[in-house]
Amino acid sequence: MERIIAERRWIRALVTAGGVPPRDREDMVQSVIMAAWMAVEEGRYRPDASVDPRRALLGWLHGIIWRKVGHHCNRACVRRELPVADPWSAQPEPPRDDEFVVEARERLLAVRLALPRLPQPDQEILALRAVGHGIRDIARALGIPSSTAVRQMNRARILLRR
């Protein structure tokens, strides 16, 4: 139990990185520690003897944190869903045309005008990133090392800003 509590700061960092709201973080850390402690008591923690003990513990705790945070963030009260009697009658609020929306539209127009002026490889790498591919996926798709993909991505972003 002491080893689990000793990793409290690490647990808190992963809970924070998982997107748990600040008001719920301490409760989530306690929940993770309790779940880990109960699993140890029930004999469900069986680390591999060939692995460093701390590394085995952190890997096991990471799984508990991942599940707990995922379940927490998918709860309706966390997503701030509001129950209504007739969901089909609920109308979304019309979009406001405030300064932020106008600025976002102007930036989008600027990107649309600037993108065709970039070299084809830069357009490809920005398009892959825009649809959600990570650097490793982009590097694999283009057949280049990850470090080269990062450099090309940074260069393409700089050219797009100009």
Protein backbone atom coordinates (compact mmCIF):
# COMPACT_ATOMS: atom_id res chain seq x y z
CA MET A 1 0.00 0.00 0.00
CA GLU A 2 2.86 2.38 0.78
CA ARG A 3 4.27 1.92 -2.72
CA ILE A 4 0.92 2.86 -4.26
CA ILE A 5 0.56 5.95 -2.06
CA ALA A 6 4.16 6.92 -2.88
CA GLU A 7 3.05 7.27 -6.54
CA ARG A 8 0.27 9.73 -5.64
CA ARG A 9 1.81 12.65 -7.56
CA TRP A 10 2.23 10.48 -10.66
CA ILE A 11 -1.37 9.27 -10.34
CA ARG A 12 -2.58 12.88 -10.00
CA ALA A 13 -0.61 13.91 -13.09
CA LEU A 14 -2.21 11.15 -15.19
CA VAL A 15 -5.67 11.96 -13.84
CA THR A 16 -5.11 15.60 -14.82
CA ALA A 17 -3.79 14.61 -18.26
CA GLY A 18 -6.87 12.42 -18.70
CA GLY A 19 -9.09 15.48 -18.66
CA VAL A 20 -10.70 15.12 -15.25
CA PRO A 21 -12.08 18.52 -14.14
CA PRO A 22 -10.22 20.16 -11.25
CA ARG A 23 -13.19 19.75 -8.89
CA ASP A 24 -13.06 15.94 -9.30
CA ARG A 25 -9.31 15.28 -9.40
CA GLU A 26 -8.69 14.54 -5.74
CA ASP A 27 -11.70 12.22 -5.60
CA MET A 28 -10.44 10.43 -8.70
CA VAL A 29 -6.95 10.00 -7.18
CA GLN A 30 -8.56 8.51 -4.06
CA SER A 31 -10.71 6.24 -6.23
CA VAL A 32 -7.64 4.97 -8.11
CA ILE A 33 -5.73 4.32 -4.88
CA MET A 34 -8.70 2.47 -3.38
CA ALA A 35 -9.21 0.37 -6.52
CA ALA A 36 -5.51 -0.52 -6.57
CA TRP A 37 -5.51 -1.37 -2.87
CA MET A 38 -8.60 -3.58 -3.23
CA ALA A 39 -7.04 -5.36 -6.22
CA VAL A 40 -3.88 -6.05 -4.20
CA GLU A 41 -5.97 -7.35 -1.30
CA GLU A 42 -7.87 -9.66 -3.67
CA GLY A 43 -4.61 -10.93 -5.19
CA ARG A 44 -5.16 -9.42 -8.64
CA TYR A 45 -1.77 -7.68 -8.70
CA ARG A 46 0.77 -10.20 -9.93
CA PRO A 47 3.81 -8.37 -11.32
CA ASP A 48 6.28 -10.07 -13.63
CA ALA A 49 9.41 -10.89 -11.64
CA SER A 50 11.65 -10.10 -14.62
CA VAL A 51 10.45 -6.47 -14.76
CA ASP A 52 11.61 -3.65 -12.51
CA PRO A 53 9.12 -3.55 -9.58
CA ARG A 54 8.36 0.17 -9.92
CA ARG A 55 7.90 -0.11 -13.67
CA ALA A 56 5.52 -3.05 -13.20
CA LEU A 57 3.55 -1.11 -10.58
CA LEU A 58 3.30 1.99 -12.77
CA GLY A 59 2.15 -0.02 -15.76
CA TRP A 60 -0.53 -1.71 -13.69
CA LEU A 61 -1.62 1.59 -12.12
CA HIS A 62 -1.77 3.18 -15.57
CA GLY A 63 -4.41 0.63 -16.57
CA ILE A 64 -6.49 1.37 -13.47
CA ILE A 65 -6.19 5.13 -14.04
CA TRP A 66 -7.11 4.80 -17.71
CA ARG A 67 -10.28 2.87 -16.90
CA LYS A 68 -11.33 5.05 -13.96
CA VAL A 69 -10.77 8.30 -15.87
CA GLY A 70 -12.56 6.97 -18.94
CA HIS A 71 -15.60 5.92 -16.93
CA HIS A 72 -15.61 9.21 -15.03
CA CYS A 73 -15.36 11.42 -18.10
CA ASN A 74 -18.20 9.54 -19.83
CA ARG A 75 -20.64 10.17 -16.98
CA ALA A 76 -23.50 12.48 -17.93
CA CYS A 77 -22.96 14.77 -14.94
CA VAL A 78 -19.35 15.33 -16.00
CA ARG A 79 -20.28 15.98 -19.63
CA ARG A 80 -22.90 18.42 -18.26
CA GLU A 81 -25.80 16.80 -20.03
CA LEU A 82 -29.16 18.13 -19.00
CA PRO A 83 -32.12 15.76 -19.05
CA VAL A 84 -35.21 17.08 -20.82
CA ALA A 85 -38.70 15.63 -20.97
CA ASP A 86 -38.83 15.51 -24.77
CA PRO A 87 -35.32 15.39 -26.29
CA TRP A 88 -36.66 15.82 -29.83
CA SER A 89 -38.19 19.17 -28.93
CA ALA A 90 -34.95 20.62 -27.58
CA GLN A 91 -33.50 23.20 -29.96
CA PRO A 92 -29.81 24.09 -29.97
CA GLU A 93 -28.94 27.72 -29.41
CA PRO A 94 -28.33 29.58 -32.66
CA PRO A 95 -24.66 30.38 -33.25
CA ARG A 96 -23.63 33.82 -32.10
CA ASP A 97 -21.84 36.07 -34.51
CA ASP A 98 -19.51 37.53 -31.91
CA GLU A 99 -15.91 38.61 -32.39
CA PHE A 100 -14.51 35.12 -31.82
CA VAL A 101 -16.65 33.57 -34.56
CA VAL A 102 -15.83 36.37 -36.99
CA GLU A 103 -12.11 36.04 -36.25
CA ALA A 104 -12.26 32.26 -36.71
CA ARG A 105 -14.01 32.68 -40.07
CA GLU A 106 -11.40 35.19 -41.21
CA ARG A 107 -8.57 32.85 -40.22
CA LEU A 108 -10.23 29.94 -42.00
CA LEU A 109 -10.59 32.05 -45.16
CA ALA A 110 -6.92 33.06 -44.93
CA VAL A 111 -5.88 29.40 -44.62
CA ARG A 112 -8.07 28.41 -47.57
CA LEU A 113 -6.47 31.12 -49.71
CA ALA A 114 -2.91 30.36 -48.59
CA LEU A 115 -3.00 26.56 -48.71
CA PRO A 116 -2.98 26.17 -52.52
CA ARG A 117 0.13 28.39 -52.69
CA LEU A 118 2.17 25.95 -50.59
CA PRO A 119 4.31 23.23 -52.22
CA GLN A 120 2.51 19.91 -52.71
CA PRO A 121 4.46 18.01 -49.97
CA ASP A 122 3.56 20.70 -47.44
CA GLN A 123 -0.09 20.53 -48.46
CA GLU A 124 -0.05 16.74 -47.99
CA ILE A 125 1.52 16.81 -44.56
CA LEU A 126 -0.82 19.55 -43.32
CA ALA A 127 -3.84 17.72 -44.73
CA LEU A 128 -2.86 14.49 -42.98
CA ARG A 129 -2.39 16.35 -39.69
CA ALA A 130 -5.69 18.21 -40.12
CA VAL A 131 -7.67 14.98 -40.35
CA GLY A 132 -6.14 13.73 -37.11
CA HIS A 133 -3.12 11.62 -38.07
CA GLY A 134 -0.21 11.62 -35.63
CA ILE A 135 3.40 12.25 -36.63
CA ARG A 136 4.21 8.53 -36.75
CA ASP A 137 1.25 7.83 -39.02
CA ILE A 138 2.23 10.71 -41.29
CA ALA A 139 5.83 9.51 -41.45
CA ARG A 140 4.66 6.00 -42.35
CA ALA A 141 2.26 7.31 -45.00
CA LEU A 142 4.95 9.47 -46.60
CA GLY A 143 7.73 6.88 -46.16
CA ILE A 144 10.00 9.19 -44.16
CA PRO A 145 11.50 9.09 -40.65
CA SER A 146 9.45 10.66 -37.83
CA SER A 147 12.09 13.33 -37.23
CA THR A 148 11.87 14.39 -40.87
CA ALA A 149 8.08 14.50 -40.64
CA VAL A 150 8.32 16.80 -37.60
CA ARG A 151 10.72 19.14 -39.42
CA GLN A 152 8.54 19.22 -42.52
CA MET A 153 5.43 19.82 -40.41
CA ASN A 154 7.06 22.76 -38.65
CA ARG A 155 8.28 24.19 -41.95
CA ALA A 156 4.83 23.83 -43.51
CA ARG A 157 3.20 25.58 -40.55
CA ILE A 158 5.66 28.45 -40.77
CA LEU A 159 5.02 28.84 -44.50
CA LEU A 160 1.27 28.73 -43.90
CA ARG A 161 1.51 31.46 -41.23
CA ARG A 162 3.47 33.69 -43.62
